[in-house]
Amino acid sequence: MTPSPQPLGGLRIVEGASFVAGPSAGLALAQLGADIIRVDPPGGGSDFLRWPLSSTGHSLFWAGLNKGKRSVTIDHRTEQGRELLLALATAPGSGAGIFLDNMVGRHRLTYDELRARRKDVIHVHLQGRSDGSPAVDYTINAEVGVPQMTGPQGGEQPVNHVLPAWDLLSGMVVASGILAAVLHREREGQGAQLELALADVALAGVGSMGWLAEAEMRGGPRGRQGNHMYGSFGVDFETSDGRRLMVVALTEGQWRALRDVTETGAVFAALERALGADLSQEGDRYRLRETIAAVLRPWFAQRDFGTVRELLERAKVLWSPYLDMAEAARAARADETSVAAEMDQPGIGPLLATGRPLRWAGTGAPPVPAPRLGEHTEDVLSDLLGLSSEEIGRLQDAGVVRVSGDGSRRSRRSP
C-alpha cells in the first residue's frame, strides 16, 4: 500500500482544549501529519470520561476525537505546571509555537503571556461567545432558530438535533485558521492572535444559508416541514415491507429519473397543465411537494425494499435508505472504500473507528489509536524542554504531571 501523504509533517500544535470543537480541529490536522500534543490535567479533563463509554469504562468519545495525537498531563493551575505549559506552547522551531485552547478562568494562558516568550507565536482561543460568556452547541443552536425549524409540520415544541454541528464546524474553522496563520507567519514573519466564538460560527452559518435574511423579508420564521427538504423536492417514502428511504430531486435530471422510474410522467404532465407549473423547475417542485409526494407514495408502498432499491439504482435516482447507527456500522465494515476500519485502542480493545476523510491523490489514511492519558508526558518534557528523568520524577511526585504508558523513561529513573 502506498504510504499516506503527511503534508503537515513538521508542524507541531499544543492543544489545551476539551470537548468537540478544539479536539476536532486537532484531529483534522493530526490526520494530515501534524504533531498534536494534547495537554490535560492529571486524571483527565472534563471530557475524559464523556459518554459513550466502552464496556471497560473508557470514553469512546475521547478516543475518537484524539486519534493519532500525543498525550501530556500537566496541572497548569500550579506555578510549575503553568511554566511547563508556557514553555511547550512557545518552544522553538519553525513549525512550533502554536497553541490552541478553550481554557477559561484566571489560569488560562493569554496571548500576551505567550507572545512575551515567542514573538511569532500563534494562539487560537475558542470560546462560547465573543464576550467570553459560556455557551455550548446545544444552547447556541437553540438561539439561532434551528430547533424551531425542525420537526413535524404543525408541531409547537422545539426539536433539538443530536449532532453537535456547530462544534464540528467550529473545529474546521479553527483548523483552517491555524493553517492560514502558519502561512502568514512564513510570509511575513509575524505571529497571530485568533479568537473564535461558537456563537459567531452558528450565526454565520445560518446567515450564509440565507435564513436570517429570509426571516426578515417574510416578516417571521419559516414553518416546520417535517422530512421535506426546503427549496427543492426531497422527502421520505415507505416500502411495502416497512423500510423507509429518502429520495431527493435537486436537478432537472434527477427529477426526470424519478419521474421515469415511477412511470408517473403522464400524471405530472397533466398536473403541470392544470396548475400552470413547470416541474422541471426546482421552485415549482418545492411548491407542489405535498402533491408530488402523494402521487409517488403508492409506487413505493406497492414494492418491497429490494425491488425499489434495484429500480432506483438502475435509473440513477438520488436516494438513500434510512439506517440506524448499528446498521450504519455494519455497512461501513462491509464497504471496502469506507473511511471506517477496525482499530485496536489501548484500554478498550478492537473498535470501529474512522480515518482521515480527505483523500490525497486518491489515498486516505487509516485510523490511528488515541494515546493513553499522559502516555507521552515524559518523552515530550524531555525532548522538547530538556528535562531530565529526575526532574520529571520530582514533578510527578509533586502532582504537577502524571507519567503514563509503558517503557517510559520514568521507569528508568534512578531511585
Protein backbone atom coordinates (compact mmCIF):
# COMPACT_ATOMS: atom_id res chain seq x y z
CA MET A 1 0.00 0.00 0.00
CA THR A 2 1.28 3.48 -0.86
CA PRO A 3 2.14 5.41 2.32
CA SER A 4 -0.40 8.09 3.14
CA PRO A 5 0.92 11.63 2.47
CA GLN A 6 1.76 13.65 5.57
CA PRO A 7 1.67 17.21 4.17
CA LEU A 8 1.69 18.80 7.64
CA GLY A 9 4.71 16.88 8.85
CA GLY A 10 6.94 19.19 10.91
CA LEU A 11 4.00 21.22 12.23
CA ARG A 12 3.55 20.96 16.00
CA ILE A 13 0.48 22.24 17.83
CA VAL A 14 -0.09 22.19 21.57
CA GLU A 15 -3.78 21.58 22.19
CA GLY A 16 -5.22 22.61 25.53
CA ALA A 17 -8.84 22.10 24.55
CA SER A 18 -11.63 19.75 25.59
CA PHE A 19 -15.00 18.57 24.22
CA VAL A 20 -15.59 18.80 20.44
CA ALA A 21 -14.54 21.97 18.62
CA GLY A 22 -10.89 22.20 19.64
CA PRO A 23 -10.13 18.46 19.63
CA SER A 24 -11.82 18.00 16.24
CA ALA A 25 -9.55 20.72 14.82
CA GLY A 26 -6.51 18.97 16.26
CA LEU A 27 -7.74 15.64 14.89
CA ALA A 28 -8.12 17.03 11.37
CA LEU A 29 -4.59 18.43 11.48
CA ALA A 30 -3.15 15.26 13.01
CA GLN A 31 -4.66 13.19 10.20
CA LEU A 32 -2.67 15.34 7.77
CA GLY A 33 0.58 14.72 9.61
CA ALA A 34 0.78 17.46 12.25
CA ASP A 35 2.18 16.58 15.67
CA ILE A 36 -0.68 17.36 18.04
CA ILE A 37 0.29 17.39 21.72
CA ARG A 38 -2.87 17.29 23.76
CA VAL A 39 -2.44 18.62 27.30
CA ASP A 40 -4.83 17.51 30.04
CA PRO A 41 -4.72 17.85 33.81
CA PRO A 42 -3.56 14.76 35.70
CA GLY A 43 -6.55 12.45 35.93
CA GLY A 44 -8.05 13.80 32.71
CA GLY A 45 -10.04 16.82 31.69
CA SER A 46 -13.78 17.40 31.73
CA ASP A 47 -14.29 15.25 28.62
CA PHE A 48 -12.02 12.33 29.54
CA LEU A 49 -14.95 10.14 30.63
CA ARG A 50 -17.62 11.63 28.41
CA TRP A 51 -20.21 9.23 27.03
CA PRO A 52 -20.48 6.99 25.11
CA LEU A 53 -18.36 4.60 27.17
CA SER A 54 -16.89 1.23 26.29
CA SER A 55 -17.59 -1.90 28.33
CA THR A 56 -14.26 -1.23 30.07
CA GLY A 57 -15.46 2.21 31.20
CA HIS A 58 -13.26 4.18 28.79
CA SER A 59 -14.68 7.04 26.76
CA LEU A 60 -15.31 6.21 23.13
CA PHE A 61 -15.86 9.93 22.64
CA TRP A 62 -12.38 10.81 23.92
CA ALA A 63 -10.74 8.01 21.98
CA GLY A 64 -12.49 9.05 18.77
CA LEU A 65 -11.52 12.72 18.89
CA ASN A 66 -7.91 12.20 19.96
CA LYS A 67 -6.75 9.61 17.47
CA GLY A 68 -3.14 9.99 16.42
CA LYS A 69 -2.26 12.66 19.00
CA ARG A 70 0.29 12.65 21.79
CA SER A 71 -0.93 13.00 25.38
CA VAL A 72 0.74 15.02 28.11
CA THR A 73 -0.67 15.63 31.58
CA ILE A 74 0.18 18.91 33.30
CA ASP A 75 -1.61 20.69 36.12
CA HIS A 76 -1.34 24.19 34.70
CA ARG A 77 -3.11 25.60 37.75
CA THR A 78 0.14 25.21 39.67
CA GLU A 79 3.02 27.64 39.21
CA GLN A 80 5.33 24.91 37.93
CA GLY A 81 2.67 23.47 35.64
CA ARG A 82 1.86 26.84 34.16
CA GLU A 83 5.53 27.36 33.40
CA LEU A 84 5.71 23.98 31.68
CA LEU A 85 2.68 24.71 29.52
CA LEU A 86 4.02 28.14 28.54
CA ALA A 87 7.33 26.57 27.60
CA LEU A 88 5.68 23.88 25.48
CA ALA A 89 3.40 26.33 23.70
CA THR A 90 6.28 28.65 22.82
CA ALA A 91 9.00 26.08 22.17
CA PRO A 92 11.39 26.99 19.34
CA GLY A 93 11.17 25.64 15.83
CA SER A 94 9.75 26.85 12.52
CA GLY A 95 6.74 24.54 12.82
CA ALA A 96 6.20 25.05 16.54
CA GLY A 97 4.90 27.90 18.66
CA ILE A 98 1.23 27.15 18.02
CA PHE A 99 -1.22 26.93 20.92
CA LEU A 100 -4.91 26.00 20.63
CA ASP A 101 -7.11 26.23 23.70
CA ASN A 102 -10.61 26.71 25.07
CA MET A 103 -9.46 27.34 28.63
CA VAL A 104 -11.45 29.65 30.88
CA GLY A 105 -10.79 31.45 34.14
CA ARG A 106 -7.73 33.02 35.65
CA HIS A 107 -5.47 30.05 34.95
CA ARG A 108 -5.78 30.16 31.18
CA LEU A 109 -2.80 31.33 29.12
CA THR A 110 -3.18 34.67 27.36
CA TYR A 111 -1.77 35.79 24.04
CA ASP A 112 0.30 38.48 25.76
CA GLU A 113 1.95 35.89 28.01
CA LEU A 114 2.70 33.65 25.06
CA ARG A 115 3.99 36.47 22.89
CA ALA A 116 6.33 37.58 25.66
CA ARG A 117 8.03 34.19 25.28
CA ARG A 118 7.88 33.99 21.48
CA LYS A 119 7.05 36.99 19.31
CA ASP A 120 5.77 34.94 16.38
CA VAL A 121 3.55 32.68 18.46
CA ILE A 122 0.20 31.62 17.01
CA HIS A 123 -2.57 31.47 19.60
CA VAL A 124 -6.08 30.25 18.78
CA HIS A 125 -8.60 30.67 21.58
CA LEU A 126 -12.03 29.05 21.36
CA GLN A 127 -14.91 30.37 23.43
CA GLY A 128 -18.67 30.20 23.66
CA ARG A 129 -19.36 33.85 22.89
CA SER A 130 -17.17 36.70 21.76
CA ASP A 131 -17.66 38.47 25.12
CA GLY A 132 -16.23 35.44 26.92
CA SER A 133 -19.50 34.23 28.41
CA PRO A 134 -20.19 30.47 28.28
CA ALA A 135 -22.14 28.67 25.58
CA VAL A 136 -22.18 25.19 24.05
CA ASP A 137 -23.51 23.77 20.81
CA TYR A 138 -26.91 22.86 22.22
CA THR A 139 -27.56 26.28 23.78
CA ILE A 140 -26.29 28.15 20.73
CA ASN A 141 -28.36 26.01 18.37
CA ALA A 142 -31.47 26.93 20.34
CA GLU A 143 -30.91 30.64 19.89
CA VAL A 144 -30.21 30.63 16.16
CA GLY A 145 -33.66 29.23 15.43
CA VAL A 146 -32.84 25.77 14.12
CA PRO A 147 -34.93 23.73 16.63
CA GLN A 148 -37.97 25.84 15.67
CA MET A 149 -37.49 24.82 12.03
CA THR A 150 -37.00 21.13 12.82
CA GLY A 151 -39.67 18.53 13.46
CA PRO A 152 -43.17 17.58 12.30
CA GLN A 153 -45.27 20.11 10.47
CA GLY A 154 -47.60 21.89 12.86
CA GLY A 155 -45.53 21.00 15.94
CA GLU A 156 -45.11 23.63 18.62
CA GLN A 157 -42.26 22.26 20.72
CA PRO A 158 -38.62 22.84 19.73
CA VAL A 159 -36.83 19.78 18.37
CA ASN A 160 -33.12 19.51 19.19
CA HIS A 161 -30.78 17.54 16.97
CA VAL A 162 -28.20 15.13 18.39
CA LEU A 163 -25.30 16.14 16.13
CA PRO A 164 -23.11 18.97 17.54
CA ALA A 165 -22.91 20.57 14.12
CA TRP A 166 -21.69 23.99 15.27
CA ASP A 167 -18.91 22.36 17.31
CA LEU A 168 -17.72 20.32 14.35
CA LEU A 169 -17.95 23.30 12.01
CA SER A 170 -16.03 25.42 14.52
CA GLY A 171 -13.30 22.80 14.57
CA MET A 172 -12.87 23.07 10.83
CA VAL A 173 -12.78 26.89 11.04
CA VAL A 174 -10.06 26.58 13.68
CA ALA A 175 -8.06 24.17 11.51
CA SER A 176 -8.23 26.49 8.52
CA GLY A 177 -7.37 29.47 10.75
CA ILE A 178 -4.25 27.73 12.07
CA LEU A 179 -3.06 26.90 8.56
CA ALA A 180 -3.73 30.48 7.44
CA ALA A 181 -1.75 31.80 10.41
CA VAL A 182 1.15 29.45 9.66
CA LEU A 183 1.24 30.63 6.05
CA HIS A 184 1.08 34.26 7.22
CA ARG A 185 3.99 33.65 9.60
CA GLU A 186 6.07 32.07 6.86
CA ARG A 187 5.42 35.02 4.55
CA GLU A 188 5.55 37.92 6.99
CA GLY A 189 7.44 36.57 10.00
CA GLN A 190 4.55 37.52 12.27
CA GLY A 191 2.53 35.51 14.75
CA ALA A 192 -1.23 35.74 15.16
CA GLN A 193 -3.89 36.06 17.82
CA LEU A 194 -7.04 34.27 16.66
CA GLU A 195 -10.28 34.08 18.60
CA LEU A 196 -13.31 32.07 17.56
CA ALA A 197 -16.70 32.11 19.28
CA LEU A 198 -19.09 29.21 18.79
CA ALA A 199 -21.98 31.69 18.71
CA ASP A 200 -20.38 33.56 15.83
CA VAL A 201 -19.88 30.36 13.84
CA ALA A 202 -23.53 29.38 14.28
CA LEU A 203 -24.85 32.81 13.35
CA ALA A 204 -22.52 32.97 10.36
CA GLY A 205 -23.76 29.52 9.34
CA VAL A 206 -27.46 30.35 9.31
CA GLY A 207 -26.67 33.73 7.79
CA SER A 208 -24.69 32.17 4.95
CA MET A 209 -27.64 29.90 4.17
CA GLY A 210 -29.81 32.99 3.74
CA TRP A 211 -32.02 32.10 6.69
CA LEU A 212 -31.62 35.38 8.59
CA ALA A 213 -32.44 37.46 5.52
CA GLU A 214 -35.37 35.18 4.69
CA ALA A 215 -36.91 35.63 8.15
CA GLU A 216 -36.67 39.40 7.94
CA MET A 217 -38.05 39.57 4.42
CA ARG A 218 -41.02 37.34 5.17
CA GLY A 219 -41.65 39.02 8.50
CA GLY A 220 -41.44 35.82 10.52
CA PRO A 221 -39.80 32.41 10.83
CA ARG A 222 -40.10 29.61 8.33
CA GLY A 223 -42.53 26.92 9.48
CA ARG A 224 -41.67 23.30 10.12
CA GLN A 225 -41.94 20.98 7.16
CA GLY A 226 -41.29 17.55 8.61
CA ASN A 227 -39.00 15.48 6.42
CA HIS A 228 -39.49 17.63 3.34
CA MET A 229 -36.34 19.24 2.01
CA TYR A 230 -36.54 23.02 1.86
CA GLY A 231 -36.48 24.73 -1.52
CA SER A 232 -36.49 21.60 -3.66
CA PHE A 233 -38.10 18.17 -3.72
CA GLY A 234 -36.93 15.64 -1.19
CA VAL A 235 -38.91 13.51 1.25
CA ASP A 236 -39.09 10.03 2.74
CA PHE A 237 -41.15 7.09 1.44
CA GLU A 238 -42.07 3.70 2.92
CA THR A 239 -41.87 0.43 1.02
CA SER A 240 -44.31 -2.48 1.28
CA ASP A 241 -42.07 -4.27 3.80
CA GLY A 242 -41.80 -1.26 6.12
CA ARG A 243 -38.40 0.12 5.06
CA ARG A 244 -38.04 3.88 4.74
CA LEU A 245 -35.84 5.75 2.32
CA MET A 246 -35.06 9.34 1.43
CA VAL A 247 -35.49 10.44 -2.18
CA VAL A 248 -34.19 13.78 -3.49
CA ALA A 249 -34.58 15.52 -6.87
CA LEU A 250 -32.44 18.64 -6.85
CA THR A 251 -31.74 18.87 -10.57
CA GLU A 252 -33.87 18.51 -13.65
CA GLY A 253 -32.06 15.28 -14.49
CA GLN A 254 -32.72 13.82 -11.05
CA TRP A 255 -36.39 14.78 -11.32
CA ARG A 256 -36.63 13.16 -14.74
CA ALA A 257 -35.06 9.95 -13.42
CA LEU A 258 -37.53 9.78 -10.52
CA ARG A 259 -40.50 10.55 -12.74
CA ASP A 260 -39.49 7.96 -15.34
CA VAL A 261 -38.75 5.08 -12.97
CA THR A 262 -42.11 5.53 -11.23
CA GLU A 263 -43.88 5.85 -14.62
CA THR A 264 -45.69 8.98 -13.47
CA GLY A 265 -44.75 11.24 -16.39
CA ALA A 266 -48.30 11.48 -17.74
CA VAL A 267 -49.72 12.28 -14.31
CA PHE A 268 -47.23 15.06 -13.71
CA ALA A 269 -47.70 16.46 -17.22
CA ALA A 270 -51.44 16.77 -16.54
CA LEU A 271 -50.69 18.32 -13.17
CA GLU A 272 -48.42 20.91 -14.79
CA ARG A 273 -51.15 21.88 -17.27
CA ALA A 274 -53.82 22.08 -14.59
CA LEU A 275 -51.75 24.17 -12.18
CA GLY A 276 -49.70 26.17 -14.63
CA ALA A 277 -46.50 24.71 -13.19
CA ASP A 278 -43.20 23.55 -14.63
CA LEU A 279 -41.85 20.70 -12.55
CA SER A 280 -38.50 20.85 -14.31
CA GLN A 281 -38.02 23.96 -12.15
CA GLU A 282 -36.78 23.38 -8.62
CA GLY A 283 -39.03 26.04 -7.12
CA ASP A 284 -42.20 24.52 -8.56
CA ARG A 285 -41.21 21.07 -7.31
CA TYR A 286 -40.85 22.54 -3.86
CA ARG A 287 -44.10 24.46 -4.03
CA LEU A 288 -46.01 21.32 -5.06
CA ARG A 289 -44.02 18.95 -2.81
CA GLU A 290 -47.05 17.54 -0.98
CA THR A 291 -48.88 16.80 -4.23
CA ILE A 292 -45.80 15.19 -5.79
CA ALA A 293 -45.26 13.03 -2.71
CA ALA A 294 -48.91 11.92 -2.76
CA VAL A 295 -48.57 10.85 -6.40
CA LEU A 296 -45.34 8.93 -5.78
CA ARG A 297 -46.18 7.32 -2.44
CA PRO A 298 -48.28 4.41 -3.83
CA TRP A 299 -45.45 3.35 -6.15
CA PHE A 300 -43.13 2.83 -3.17
CA ALA A 301 -45.86 1.30 -1.00
CA GLN A 302 -46.59 -1.40 -3.62
CA ARG A 303 -42.99 -2.67 -3.81
CA ASP A 304 -40.61 -4.23 -1.32
CA PHE A 305 -37.32 -2.59 -0.47
CA GLY A 306 -35.19 -4.90 -2.58
CA THR A 307 -37.22 -4.17 -5.69
CA VAL A 308 -37.26 -0.44 -5.04
CA ARG A 309 -33.51 -0.39 -4.48
CA GLU A 310 -32.82 -2.23 -7.73
CA LEU A 311 -35.09 0.04 -9.76
CA LEU A 312 -33.83 3.29 -8.24
CA GLU A 313 -30.19 2.31 -8.68
CA ARG A 314 -30.74 1.32 -12.30
CA ALA A 315 -32.50 4.62 -13.00
CA LYS A 316 -29.79 6.65 -11.19
CA VAL A 317 -32.25 8.24 -8.80
CA LEU A 318 -30.70 10.16 -5.90
CA TRP A 319 -31.73 8.27 -2.76
CA SER A 320 -30.55 6.54 0.42
CA PRO A 321 -32.11 4.12 2.89
CA TYR A 322 -32.64 5.16 6.48
CA LEU A 323 -30.20 3.23 8.67
CA ASP A 324 -29.86 3.21 12.42
CA MET A 325 -26.36 3.57 13.86
CA ALA A 326 -25.84 -0.18 14.19
CA GLU A 327 -26.83 -0.66 10.56
CA ALA A 328 -24.52 2.20 9.56
CA ALA A 329 -21.66 0.48 11.39
CA ARG A 330 -22.30 -2.80 9.58
CA ALA A 331 -22.49 -1.01 6.26
CA ALA A 332 -19.19 0.76 6.96
CA ARG A 333 -17.47 -2.55 7.74
CA ALA A 334 -18.80 -4.07 4.53
CA ASP A 335 -17.68 -1.13 2.36
CA GLU A 336 -14.09 -1.58 1.20
CA THR A 337 -13.87 2.12 0.32
CA SER A 338 -15.13 3.35 3.72
CA VAL A 339 -13.04 5.64 5.94
CA ALA A 340 -14.05 3.35 8.81
CA ALA A 341 -11.82 0.47 9.87
CA GLU A 342 -11.12 -1.62 12.94
CA MET A 343 -8.57 -0.13 15.32
CA ASP A 344 -7.00 -1.58 18.48
CA GLN A 345 -7.47 1.14 21.10
CA PRO A 346 -5.48 0.82 24.35
CA GLY A 347 -7.78 0.23 27.30
CA ILE A 348 -10.70 -0.64 25.05
CA GLY A 349 -9.55 -3.19 22.50
CA PRO A 350 -10.72 -3.56 18.90
CA LEU A 351 -13.28 -0.97 17.84
CA LEU A 352 -14.68 0.53 14.67
CA ALA A 353 -13.06 3.91 14.10
CA THR A 354 -12.67 6.36 11.25
CA GLY A 355 -9.55 7.56 9.48
CA ARG A 356 -8.88 10.70 7.50
CA PRO A 357 -11.87 11.58 5.31
CA LEU A 358 -9.75 13.69 2.96
CA ARG A 359 -8.29 11.51 0.22
CA TRP A 360 -4.92 12.75 -1.03
CA ALA A 361 -4.20 11.61 -4.60
CA GLY A 362 -6.92 9.03 -4.09
CA THR A 363 -5.40 7.79 -0.85
CA GLY A 364 -7.00 8.01 2.57
CA ALA A 365 -5.38 7.24 5.90
CA PRO A 366 -6.46 4.53 8.38
CA PRO A 367 -7.39 5.43 11.95
CA VAL A 368 -4.52 5.70 14.43
CA PRO A 369 -5.27 4.89 18.09
CA ALA A 370 -5.65 7.66 20.62
CA PRO A 371 -2.94 7.76 23.27
CA ARG A 372 -3.29 6.66 26.85
CA LEU A 373 -3.73 9.66 29.12
CA GLY A 374 -0.28 11.05 29.83
CA GLU A 375 1.42 8.45 27.64
CA HIS A 376 3.89 10.93 26.17
CA THR A 377 4.42 13.22 29.16
CA GLU A 378 7.97 12.16 29.87
CA ASP A 379 9.07 11.99 26.24
CA VAL A 380 7.68 15.43 25.43
CA LEU A 381 9.08 17.14 28.53
CA SER A 382 12.44 15.52 27.95
CA ASP A 383 12.72 16.01 24.19
CA LEU A 384 11.16 19.46 23.88
CA LEU A 385 12.06 21.07 27.20
CA GLY A 386 15.23 19.16 28.02
CA LEU A 387 14.07 17.97 31.45
CA SER A 388 15.90 15.03 32.97
CA SER A 389 14.21 11.91 34.31
CA GLU A 390 14.99 13.12 37.81
CA GLU A 391 13.35 16.50 37.21
CA ILE A 392 10.30 14.86 35.69
CA GLY A 393 10.16 12.43 38.60
CA ARG A 394 10.09 15.30 41.08
CA LEU A 395 7.30 16.98 39.11
CA GLN A 396 5.32 13.76 39.20
CA ASP A 397 5.90 13.33 42.91
CA ALA A 398 4.58 16.87 43.40
CA GLY A 399 1.45 16.08 41.36
CA VAL A 400 2.30 18.62 38.65
CA VAL A 401 2.48 15.98 35.92
CA ARG A 402 1.49 12.36 35.57
CA VAL A 403 3.53 9.89 33.59
CA SER A 404 1.73 7.00 31.97
CA GLY A 405 2.40 4.40 29.31
CA ASP A 406 4.89 1.55 29.09
CA GLY A 407 8.62 1.63 28.55
CA SER A 408 8.83 5.24 29.67
CA ARG A 409 11.99 6.94 30.86
CA ARG A 410 10.24 7.46 34.21
CA SER A 411 10.52 3.71 34.85
CA ARG A 412 14.29 4.00 34.43
CA ARG A 413 14.73 6.95 36.79
CA SER A 414 17.29 6.37 39.49
CA PRO A 415 15.80 5.93 42.97
